[in-house]
């Protein structure tokens, strides 16, 4: 949990008052214990590794490598020419892999 060191500090008395008020609000809130998500629906939306995806179609248009791009010889990602760090033996490497 992140701590905001610039926030004004509360005394122990104020902290106890806040938590008591919060507990009272939770007790009065009828829907606080209910879960909104159905576990079965959530499980159906996850794709397991090795799942059969042969019925799926690509919805993204794939473009070939452009003239101002290169393929890194280490990570094999297509990067902009401005990301090229060095070339060794005819192979180009990106700044992330060097």
PDB file of N, CA and C in Angstrom:
ATOM      1  N   UNK A   1       0.843  -1.172   0.000  1.00  0.00           N
ATOM      2  CA  UNK A   1       0.000   0.000   0.000  1.00  0.00           C
ATOM      3  C   UNK A   1       0.889   1.236   0.000  1.00  0.00           C
ATOM      4  N   UNK A   2       0.608   2.174  -0.866  1.00  0.00           N
ATOM      5  CA  UNK A   2       1.398   3.392  -0.974  1.00  0.00           C
ATOM      6  C   UNK A   2       1.080   4.337   0.174  1.00  0.00           C
ATOM      7  N   UNK A   3       2.091   5.056   0.607  1.00  0.00           N
ATOM      8  CA  UNK A   3       1.926   6.006   1.694  1.00  0.00           C
ATOM      9  C   UNK A   3       2.161   7.401   1.160  1.00  0.00           C
ATOM     10  N   UNK A   4       1.247   8.281   1.424  1.00  0.00           N
ATOM     11  CA  UNK A   4       1.380   9.676   1.021  1.00  0.00           C
ATOM     12  C   UNK A   4       2.008  10.428   2.183  1.00  0.00           C
ATOM     13  N   UNK A   5       3.301  10.730   2.071  1.00  0.00           N
ATOM     14  CA  UNK A   5       4.007  11.380   3.155  1.00  0.00           C
ATOM     15  C   UNK A   5       3.669  12.865   3.268  1.00  0.00           C
ATOM     16  N   UNK A   6       3.050  13.435   2.231  1.00  0.00           N
ATOM     17  CA  UNK A   6       2.679  14.849   2.257  1.00  0.00           C
ATOM     18  C   UNK A   6       1.314  15.089   2.889  1.00  0.00           C
ATOM     19  N   UNK A   7       0.539  14.054   3.103  1.00  0.00           N
ATOM     20  CA  UNK A   7      -0.803  14.199   3.664  1.00  0.00           C
ATOM     21  C   UNK A   7      -0.700  14.596   5.141  1.00  0.00           C
ATOM     22  N   UNK A   8      -1.646  15.395   5.609  1.00  0.00           N
ATOM     23  CA  UNK A   8      -1.630  15.749   7.037  1.00  0.00           C
ATOM     24  C   UNK A   8      -1.829  14.508   7.899  1.00  0.00           C
ATOM     25  N   UNK A   9      -1.130  14.457   8.989  1.00  0.00           N
ATOM     26  CA  UNK A   9      -1.194  13.285   9.864  1.00  0.00           C
ATOM     27  C   UNK A   9      -2.382  13.370  10.795  1.00  0.00           C
ATOM     28  N   UNK A  10      -2.955  12.219  11.075  1.00  0.00           N
ATOM     29  CA  UNK A  10      -4.098  12.153  11.985  1.00  0.00           C
ATOM     30  C   UNK A  10      -3.637  11.597  13.324  1.00  0.00           C
ATOM     31  N   UNK A  11      -4.315  12.016  14.361  1.00  0.00           N
ATOM     32  CA  UNK A  11      -4.013  11.487  15.687  1.00  0.00           C
ATOM     33  C   UNK A  11      -4.686  10.128  15.833  1.00  0.00           C
ATOM     34  N   UNK A  12      -4.296   9.385  16.860  1.00  0.00           N
ATOM     35  CA  UNK A  12      -4.899   8.073  17.107  1.00  0.00           C
ATOM     36  C   UNK A  12      -6.398   8.191  17.335  1.00  0.00           C
ATOM     37  N   UNK A  13      -6.791   9.269  17.976  1.00  0.00           N
ATOM     38  CA  UNK A  13      -8.213   9.494  18.252  1.00  0.00           C
ATOM     39  C   UNK A  13      -8.989   9.657  16.943  1.00  0.00           C
ATOM     40  N   UNK A  14      -8.448  10.417  16.005  1.00  0.00           N
ATOM     41  CA  UNK A  14      -9.117  10.624  14.712  1.00  0.00           C
ATOM     42  C   UNK A  14      -9.181   9.323  13.909  1.00  0.00           C
ATOM     43  N   UNK A  15      -8.123   8.534  13.987  1.00  0.00           N
ATOM     44  CA  UNK A  15      -8.102   7.258  13.264  1.00  0.00           C
ATOM     45  C   UNK A  15      -9.188   6.328  13.804  1.00  0.00           C
ATOM     46  N   UNK A  16      -9.331   6.275  15.136  1.00  0.00           N
ATOM     47  CA  UNK A  16     -10.360   5.427  15.737  1.00  0.00           C
ATOM     48  C   UNK A  16     -11.759   5.912  15.377  1.00  0.00           C
ATOM     49  N   UNK A  17     -11.955   7.218  15.340  1.00  0.00           N
ATOM     50  CA  UNK A  17     -13.257   7.764  14.968  1.00  0.00           C
ATOM     51  C   UNK A  17     -13.602   7.416  13.530  1.00  0.00           C
ATOM     52  N   UNK A  18     -12.617   7.552  12.632  1.00  0.00           N
ATOM     53  CA  UNK A  18     -12.841   7.231  11.226  1.00  0.00           C
ATOM     54  C   UNK A  18     -13.218   5.764  11.056  1.00  0.00           C
ATOM     55  N   UNK A  19     -12.512   4.888  11.713  1.00  0.00           N
ATOM     56  CA  UNK A  19     -12.788   3.469  11.531  1.00  0.00           C
ATOM     57  C   UNK A  19     -14.134   3.081  12.137  1.00  0.00           C
ATOM     58  N   UNK A  20     -14.541   3.698  13.224  1.00  0.00           N
ATOM     59  CA  UNK A  20     -15.844   3.406  13.811  1.00  0.00           C
ATOM     60  C   UNK A  20     -16.949   3.869  12.875  1.00  0.00           C
ATOM     61  N   UNK A  21     -16.786   5.077  12.321  1.00  0.00           N
ATOM     62  CA  UNK A  21     -17.785   5.582  11.368  1.00  0.00           C
ATOM     63  C   UNK A  21     -17.845   4.691  10.128  1.00  0.00           C
ATOM     64  N   UNK A  22     -16.700   4.250   9.678  1.00  0.00           N
ATOM     65  CA  UNK A  22     -16.656   3.389   8.500  1.00  0.00           C
ATOM     66  C   UNK A  22     -17.370   2.066   8.784  1.00  0.00           C
ATOM     67  N   UNK A  23     -17.152   1.493   9.960  1.00  0.00           N
ATOM     68  CA  UNK A  23     -17.823   0.243  10.327  1.00  0.00           C
ATOM     69  C   UNK A  23     -19.332   0.430  10.408  1.00  0.00           C
ATOM     70  N   UNK A  24     -19.763   1.541  10.941  1.00  0.00           N
ATOM     71  CA  UNK A  24     -21.199   1.818  11.015  1.00  0.00           C
ATOM     72  C   UNK A  24     -21.802   1.921   9.617  1.00  0.00           C
ATOM     73  N   UNK A  25     -21.085   2.584   8.714  1.00  0.00           N
ATOM     74  CA  UNK A  25     -21.573   2.707   7.345  1.00  0.00           C
ATOM     75  C   UNK A  25     -21.652   1.351   6.655  1.00  0.00           C
ATOM     76  N   UNK A  26     -20.665   0.509   6.893  1.00  0.00           N
ATOM     77  CA  UNK A  26     -20.683  -0.832   6.292  1.00  0.00           C
ATOM     78  C   UNK A  26     -21.839  -1.663   6.833  1.00  0.00           C
ATOM     79  N   UNK A  27     -22.113  -1.517   8.122  1.00  0.00           N
ATOM     80  CA  UNK A  27     -23.192  -2.288   8.730  1.00  0.00           C
ATOM     81  C   UNK A  27     -24.526  -1.877   8.126  1.00  0.00           C
ATOM     82  N   UNK A  28     -24.693  -0.591   7.842  1.00  0.00           N
ATOM     83  CA  UNK A  28     -25.941  -0.095   7.272  1.00  0.00           C
ATOM     84  C   UNK A  28     -26.058  -0.387   5.783  1.00  0.00           C
ATOM     85  N   UNK A  29     -24.947  -0.648   5.131  1.00  0.00           N
ATOM     86  CA  UNK A  29     -24.961  -0.910   3.690  1.00  0.00           C
ATOM     87  C   UNK A  29     -25.363  -2.366   3.463  1.00  0.00           C
ATOM     88  N   UNK A  30     -26.530  -2.587   2.891  1.00  0.00           N
ATOM     89  CA  UNK A  30     -27.061  -3.935   2.697  1.00  0.00           C
ATOM     90  C   UNK A  30     -26.284  -4.723   1.634  1.00  0.00           C
ATOM     91  N   UNK A  31     -25.701  -4.031   0.637  1.00  0.00           N
ATOM     92  CA  UNK A  31     -25.046  -4.709  -0.480  1.00  0.00           C
ATOM     93  C   UNK A  31     -23.545  -4.889  -0.281  1.00  0.00           C
ATOM     94  N   UNK A  32     -23.012  -4.552   0.883  1.00  0.00           N
ATOM     95  CA  UNK A  32     -21.569  -4.605   1.066  1.00  0.00           C
ATOM     96  C   UNK A  32     -21.028  -6.035   1.034  1.00  0.00           C
ATOM     97  N   UNK A  33     -21.797  -7.023   1.392  1.00  0.00           N
ATOM     98  CA  UNK A  33     -21.328  -8.400   1.405  1.00  0.00           C
ATOM     99  C   UNK A  33     -21.575  -9.152   0.118  1.00  0.00           C
ATOM    100  N   UNK A  34     -22.289  -8.559  -0.817  1.00  0.00           N
ATOM    101  CA  UNK A  34     -22.621  -9.246  -2.054  1.00  0.00           C
ATOM    102  C   UNK A  34     -21.481  -9.128  -3.056  1.00  0.00           C
ATOM    103  N   UNK A  35     -21.319 -10.167  -3.854  1.00  0.00           N
ATOM    104  CA  UNK A  35     -20.331 -10.170  -4.921  1.00  0.00           C
ATOM    105  C   UNK A  35     -21.069  -9.955  -6.222  1.00  0.00           C
ATOM    106  N   UNK A  36     -20.615  -8.982  -7.008  1.00  0.00           N
ATOM    107  CA  UNK A  36     -21.295  -8.643  -8.252  1.00  0.00           C
ATOM    108  C   UNK A  36     -20.983  -9.601  -9.391  1.00  0.00           C
ATOM    109  N   UNK A  37     -19.861 -10.279  -9.344  1.00  0.00           N
ATOM    110  CA  UNK A  37     -19.412 -11.079 -10.466  1.00  0.00           C
ATOM    111  C   UNK A  37     -19.761 -12.555 -10.262  1.00  0.00           C
ATOM    112  N   UNK A  38     -20.298 -13.160 -11.297  1.00  0.00           N
ATOM    113  CA  UNK A  38     -20.606 -14.579 -11.270  1.00  0.00           C
ATOM    114  C   UNK A  38     -19.322 -15.349 -11.561  1.00  0.00           C
ATOM    115  N   UNK A  39     -18.963 -16.302 -10.702  1.00  0.00           N
ATOM    116  CA  UNK A  39     -17.712 -17.038 -10.856  1.00  0.00           C
ATOM    117  C   UNK A  39     -17.680 -17.850 -12.146  1.00  0.00           C
ATOM    118  N   UNK A  40     -18.802 -18.412 -12.538  1.00  0.00           N
ATOM    119  CA  UNK A  40     -18.851 -19.228 -13.752  1.00  0.00           C
ATOM    120  C   UNK A  40     -18.606 -18.351 -14.978  1.00  0.00           C
ATOM    121  N   UNK A  41     -19.221 -17.190 -15.025  1.00  0.00           N
ATOM    122  CA  UNK A  41     -19.015 -16.274 -16.148  1.00  0.00           C
ATOM    123  C   UNK A  41     -17.563 -15.816 -16.206  1.00  0.00           C
ATOM    124  N   UNK A  42     -16.972 -15.530 -15.079  1.00  0.00           N
ATOM    125  CA  UNK A  42     -15.587 -15.080 -15.045  1.00  0.00           C
ATOM    126  C   UNK A  42     -14.649 -16.179 -15.526  1.00  0.00           C
ATOM    127  N   UNK A  43     -14.920 -17.431 -15.144  1.00  0.00           N
ATOM    128  CA  UNK A  43     -14.070 -18.540 -15.553  1.00  0.00           C
ATOM    129  C   UNK A  43     -14.169 -18.801 -17.052  1.00  0.00           C
ATOM    130  N   UNK A  44     -15.326 -18.564 -17.651  1.00  0.00           N
ATOM    131  CA  UNK A  44     -15.488 -18.804 -19.079  1.00  0.00           C
ATOM    132  C   UNK A  44     -14.726 -17.795 -19.925  1.00  0.00           C
ATOM    133  N   UNK A  45     -14.453 -16.618 -19.390  1.00  0.00           N
ATOM    134  CA  UNK A  45     -13.782 -15.593 -20.168  1.00  0.00           C
ATOM    135  C   UNK A  45     -12.266 -15.796 -20.232  1.00  0.00           C
ATOM    136  N   UNK A  46     -11.684 -16.665 -19.402  1.00  0.00           N
ATOM    137  CA  UNK A  46     -10.251 -16.901 -19.407  1.00  0.00           C
ATOM    138  C   UNK A  46      -9.890 -17.947 -20.443  1.00  0.00           C
ATOM    139  N   UNK A  47      -8.808 -17.681 -21.190  1.00  0.00           N
ATOM    140  CA  UNK A  47      -8.283 -18.646 -22.147  1.00  0.00           C
ATOM    141  C   UNK A  47      -7.129 -19.389 -21.488  1.00  0.00           C
ATOM    142  N   UNK A  48      -7.194 -20.690 -21.493  1.00  0.00           N
ATOM    143  CA  UNK A  48      -6.137 -21.493 -20.913  1.00  0.00           C
ATOM    144  C   UNK A  48      -5.012 -21.680 -21.923  1.00  0.00           C
ATOM    145  N   UNK A  49      -3.760 -21.833 -21.451  1.00  0.00           N
ATOM    146  CA  UNK A  49      -2.653 -22.086 -22.368  1.00  0.00           C
ATOM    147  C   UNK A  49      -2.897 -23.389 -23.132  1.00  0.00           C
ATOM    148  N   UNK A  50      -2.628 -23.371 -24.418  1.00  0.00           N
ATOM    149  CA  UNK A  50      -2.822 -24.560 -25.240  1.00  0.00           C
ATOM    150  C   UNK A  50      -4.257 -24.737 -25.702  1.00  0.00           C
ATOM    151  N   UNK A  51      -5.108 -23.735 -25.464  1.00  0.00           N
ATOM    152  CA  UNK A  51      -6.507 -23.840 -25.872  1.00  0.00           C
ATOM    153  C   UNK A  51      -6.606 -23.806 -27.396  1.00  0.00           C
ATOM    154  N   UNK A  52      -7.622 -24.451 -27.944  1.00  0.00           N
ATOM    155  CA  UNK A  52      -7.845 -24.489 -29.385  1.00  0.00           C
ATOM    156  C   UNK A  52      -8.428 -23.153 -29.832  1.00  0.00           C
ATOM    157  N   UNK A  53      -7.641 -22.387 -30.574  1.00  0.00           N
ATOM    158  CA  UNK A  53      -8.074 -21.084 -31.052  1.00  0.00           C
ATOM    159  C   UNK A  53      -8.252 -21.088 -32.564  1.00  0.00           C
ATOM    160  N   UNK A  54      -8.434 -22.275 -33.159  1.00  0.00           N
ATOM    161  CA  UNK A  54      -8.542 -22.368 -34.612  1.00  0.00           C
ATOM    162  C   UNK A  54      -9.799 -21.689 -35.144  1.00  0.00           C
ATOM    163  N   UNK A  55     -10.830 -21.537 -34.332  1.00  0.00           N
ATOM    164  CA  UNK A  55     -12.064 -20.889 -34.768  1.00  0.00           C
ATOM    165  C   UNK A  55     -11.993 -19.365 -34.667  1.00  0.00           C
ATOM    166  N   UNK A  56     -10.919 -18.832 -34.052  1.00  0.00           N
ATOM    167  CA  UNK A  56     -10.771 -17.391 -33.879  1.00  0.00           C
ATOM    168  C   UNK A  56     -10.200 -16.758 -35.141  1.00  0.00           C
ATOM    169  N   UNK A  57     -10.625 -15.537 -35.427  1.00  0.00           N
ATOM    170  CA  UNK A  57     -10.107 -14.783 -36.558  1.00  0.00           C
ATOM    171  C   UNK A  57      -9.379 -13.550 -36.049  1.00  0.00           C
ATOM    172  N   UNK A  58      -8.338 -13.141 -36.800  1.00  0.00           N
ATOM    173  CA  UNK A  58      -7.620 -11.931 -36.438  1.00  0.00           C
ATOM    174  C   UNK A  58      -8.493 -10.714 -36.695  1.00  0.00           C
ATOM    175  N   UNK A  59      -8.500  -9.808 -35.767  1.00  0.00           N
ATOM    176  CA  UNK A  59      -9.259  -8.577 -35.949  1.00  0.00           C
ATOM    177  C   UNK A  59      -8.321  -7.385 -36.075  1.00  0.00           C
ATOM    178  N   UNK A  60      -7.008  -7.664 -36.161  1.00  0.00           N
ATOM    179  CA  UNK A  60      -5.999  -6.621 -36.260  1.00  0.00           C
ATOM    180  C   UNK A  60      -5.348  -6.706 -37.631  1.00  0.00           C
ATOM    181  N   UNK A  61      -5.174  -5.565 -38.259  1.00  0.00           N
ATOM    182  CA  UNK A  61      -4.522  -5.545 -39.560  1.00  0.00           C
ATOM    183  C   UNK A  61      -3.012  -5.552 -39.340  1.00  0.00           C
ATOM    184  N   UNK A  62      -2.300  -6.531 -39.903  1.00  0.00           N
ATOM    185  CA  UNK A  62      -0.865  -6.672 -39.734  1.00  0.00           C
ATOM    186  C   UNK A  62      -0.175  -6.047 -40.939  1.00  0.00           C
ATOM    187  N   UNK A  63       0.752  -5.128 -40.661  1.00  0.00           N
ATOM    188  CA  UNK A  63       1.489  -4.448 -41.717  1.00  0.00           C
ATOM    189  C   UNK A  63       2.888  -5.020 -41.824  1.00  0.00           C
ATOM    190  N   UNK A  64       3.454  -5.098 -43.028  1.00  0.00           N
ATOM    191  CA  UNK A  64       4.848  -5.540 -43.154  1.00  0.00           C
ATOM    192  C   UNK A  64       5.792  -4.466 -42.608  1.00  0.00           C
ATOM    193  N   UNK A  65       7.047  -4.858 -42.381  1.00  0.00           N
ATOM    194  CA  UNK A  65       8.035  -3.919 -41.859  1.00  0.00           C
ATOM    195  C   UNK A  65       8.204  -2.752 -42.838  1.00  0.00           C
ATOM    196  N   UNK A  66       8.208  -1.551 -42.305  1.00  0.00           N
ATOM    197  CA  UNK A  66       8.324  -0.342 -43.112  1.00  0.00           C
ATOM    198  C   UNK A  66       9.795  -0.017 -43.373  1.00  0.00           C
ATOM    199  N   UNK A  67      10.035   0.927 -44.274  1.00  0.00           N
ATOM    200  CA  UNK A  67      11.396   1.296 -44.645  1.00  0.00           C
ATOM    201  C   UNK A  67      12.157   1.930 -43.477  1.00  0.00           C
ATOM    202  N   UNK A  68      11.454   2.589 -42.560  1.00  0.00           N
ATOM    203  CA  UNK A  68      12.113   3.239 -41.421  1.00  0.00           C
ATOM    204  C   UNK A  68      12.096   2.366 -40.164  1.00  0.00           C
ATOM    205  N   UNK A  69      11.982   1.063 -40.327  1.00  0.00           N
ATOM    206  CA  UNK A  69      11.974   0.111 -39.206  1.00  0.00           C
ATOM    207  C   UNK A  69      13.019  -0.972 -39.438  1.00  0.00           C
ATOM    208  N   UNK A  70      13.379  -1.666 -38.359  1.00  0.00           N
ATOM    209  CA  UNK A  70      14.301  -2.788 -38.453  1.00  0.00           C
ATOM    210  C   UNK A  70      13.867  -3.869 -37.468  1.00  0.00           C
ATOM    211  N   UNK A  71      14.359  -5.081 -37.667  1.00  0.00           N
ATOM    212  CA  UNK A  71      14.065  -6.184 -36.759  1.00  0.00           C
ATOM    213  C   UNK A  71      15.303  -6.442 -35.916  1.00  0.00           C
ATOM    214  N   UNK A  72      15.145  -6.379 -34.610  1.00  0.00           N
ATOM    215  CA  UNK A  72      16.263  -6.608 -33.685  1.00  0.00           C
ATOM    216  C   UNK A  72      16.698  -8.065 -33.772  1.00  0.00           C
ATOM    217  N   UNK A  73      18.010  -8.298 -33.845  1.00  0.00           N
ATOM    218  CA  UNK A  73      18.539  -9.647 -33.956  1.00  0.00           C
ATOM    219  C   UNK A  73      18.495 -10.397 -32.630  1.00  0.00           C
ATOM    220  N   UNK A  74      18.228  -9.719 -31.527  1.00  0.00           N
ATOM    221  CA  UNK A  74      18.183 -10.360 -30.219  1.00  0.00           C
ATOM    222  C   UNK A  74      16.753 -10.669 -29.774  1.00  0.00           C
ATOM    223  N   UNK A  75      15.868  -9.643 -29.777  1.00  0.00           N
ATOM    224  CA  UNK A  75      14.497  -9.843 -29.285  1.00  0.00           C
ATOM    225  C   UNK A  75      13.502 -10.083 -30.418  1.00  0.00           C
ATOM    226  N   UNK A  76      13.935  -9.897 -31.680  1.00  0.00           N
ATOM    227  CA  UNK A  76      13.129 -10.153 -32.872  1.00  0.00           C
ATOM    228  C   UNK A  76      11.879  -9.289 -32.968  1.00  0.00           C
ATOM    229  N   UNK A  77      11.889  -8.130 -32.310  1.00  0.00           N
ATOM    230  CA  UNK A  77      10.792  -7.182 -32.423  1.00  0.00           C
ATOM    231  C   UNK A  77      11.102  -6.170 -33.516  1.00  0.00           C
ATOM    232  N   UNK A  78      10.080  -5.736 -34.207  1.00  0.00           N
ATOM    233  CA  UNK A  78      10.243  -4.693 -35.213  1.00  0.00           C
ATOM    234  C   UNK A  78      10.210  -3.356 -34.482  1.00  0.00           C
ATOM    235  N   UNK A  79      11.294  -2.583 -34.641  1.00  0.00           N
ATOM    236  CA  UNK A  79      11.437  -1.315 -33.927  1.00  0.00           C
ATOM    237  C   UNK A  79      11.681  -0.191 -34.930  1.00  0.00           C
ATOM    238  N   UNK A  80      11.449   1.038 -34.509  1.00  0.00           N
ATOM    239  CA  UNK A  80      11.733   2.206 -35.333  1.00  0.00           C
ATOM    240  C   UNK A  80      13.243   2.358 -35.476  1.00  0.00           C
ATOM    241  N   UNK A  81      13.675   2.950 -36.575  1.00  0.00           N
ATOM    242  CA  UNK A  81      15.107   3.117 -36.826  1.00  0.00           C
ATOM    243  C   UNK A  81      15.772   3.925 -35.721  1.00  0.00           C
ATOM    244  N   UNK A  82      15.039   4.808 -35.057  1.00  0.00           N
ATOM    245  CA  UNK A  82      15.607   5.607 -33.965  1.00  0.00           C
ATOM    246  C   UNK A  82      15.952   4.749 -32.744  1.00  0.00           C
ATOM    247  N   UNK A  83      15.443   3.524 -32.676  1.00  0.00           N
ATOM    248  CA  UNK A  83      15.726   2.622 -31.558  1.00  0.00           C
ATOM    249  C   UNK A  83      16.957   1.750 -31.806  1.00  0.00           C
ATOM    250  N   UNK A  84      17.574   1.868 -32.991  1.00  0.00           N
ATOM    251  CA  UNK A  84      18.727   1.036 -33.319  1.00  0.00           C
ATOM    252  C   UNK A  84      19.950   1.521 -32.549  1.00  0.00           C
ATOM    253  N   UNK A  85      20.617   0.599 -31.861  1.00  0.00           N
ATOM    254  CA  UNK A  85      21.782   0.951 -31.069  1.00  0.00           C
ATOM    255  C   UNK A  85      23.058   0.693 -31.859  1.00  0.00           C
ATOM    256  N   UNK A  86      23.174  -0.497 -32.424  1.00  0.00           N
ATOM    257  CA  UNK A  86      24.389  -0.820 -33.165  1.00  0.00           C
ATOM    258  C   UNK A  86      24.136  -1.973 -34.128  1.00  0.00           C
ATOM    259  N   UNK A  87      25.053  -2.129 -35.051  1.00  0.00           N
ATOM    260  CA  UNK A  87      24.988  -3.215 -36.023  1.00  0.00           C
ATOM    261  C   UNK A  87      26.277  -4.011 -35.929  1.00  0.00           C
ATOM    262  N   UNK A  88      26.157  -5.320 -35.739  1.00  0.00           N
ATOM    263  CA  UNK A  88      27.323  -6.205 -35.661  1.00  0.00           C
ATOM    264  C   UNK A  88      27.165  -7.289 -36.718  1.00  0.00           C
ATOM    265  N   UNK A  89      28.112  -7.397 -37.608  1.00  0.00           N
ATOM    266  CA  UNK A  89      28.105  -8.472 -38.601  1.00  0.00           C
ATOM    267  C   UNK A  89      26.852  -8.465 -39.456  1.00  0.00           C
ATOM    268  N   UNK A  90      26.318  -7.309 -39.768  1.00  0.00           N
ATOM    269  CA  UNK A  90      25.132  -7.207 -40.612  1.00  0.00           C
ATOM    270  C   UNK A  90      23.818  -7.360 -39.854  1.00  0.00           C
ATOM    271  N   UNK A  91      23.882  -7.560 -38.553  1.00  0.00           N
ATOM    272  CA  UNK A  91      22.665  -7.690 -37.748  1.00  0.00           C
ATOM    273  C   UNK A  91      22.498  -6.458 -36.871  1.00  0.00           C
ATOM    274  N   UNK A  92      21.265  -5.966 -36.781  1.00  0.00           N
ATOM    275  CA  UNK A  92      20.972  -4.767 -36.006  1.00  0.00           C
ATOM    276  C   UNK A  92      20.386  -5.131 -34.647  1.00  0.00           C
ATOM    277  N   UNK A  93      20.769  -4.347 -33.620  1.00  0.00           N
ATOM    278  CA  UNK A  93      20.281  -4.566 -32.263  1.00  0.00           C
ATOM    279  C   UNK A  93      19.650  -3.284 -31.741  1.00  0.00           C
ATOM    280  N   UNK A  94      18.557  -3.428 -30.978  1.00  0.00           N
ATOM    281  CA  UNK A  94      17.868  -2.271 -30.423  1.00  0.00           C
ATOM    282  C   UNK A  94      18.545  -1.805 -29.140  1.00  0.00           C
ATOM    283  N   UNK A  95      18.192  -0.599 -28.693  1.00  0.00           N
ATOM    284  CA  UNK A  95      18.800  -0.040 -27.484  1.00  0.00           C
ATOM    285  C   UNK A  95      18.427  -0.850 -26.228  1.00  0.00           C
ATOM    286  N   UNK A  96      17.301  -1.544 -26.237  1.00  0.00           N
ATOM    287  CA  UNK A  96      16.895  -2.342 -25.081  1.00  0.00           C
ATOM    288  C   UNK A  96      17.746  -3.595 -24.921  1.00  0.00           C
ATOM    289  N   UNK A  97      18.233  -4.137 -26.031  1.00  0.00           N
ATOM    290  CA  UNK A  97      18.976  -5.405 -25.980  1.00  0.00           C
ATOM    291  C   UNK A  97      20.491  -5.211 -25.850  1.00  0.00           C
ATOM    292  N   UNK A  98      20.989  -4.010 -26.114  1.00  0.00           N
ATOM    293  CA  UNK A  98      22.442  -3.788 -26.071  1.00  0.00           C
ATOM    294  C   UNK A  98      22.922  -3.622 -24.667  1.00  0.00           C
TER     295      UNK A  98
END
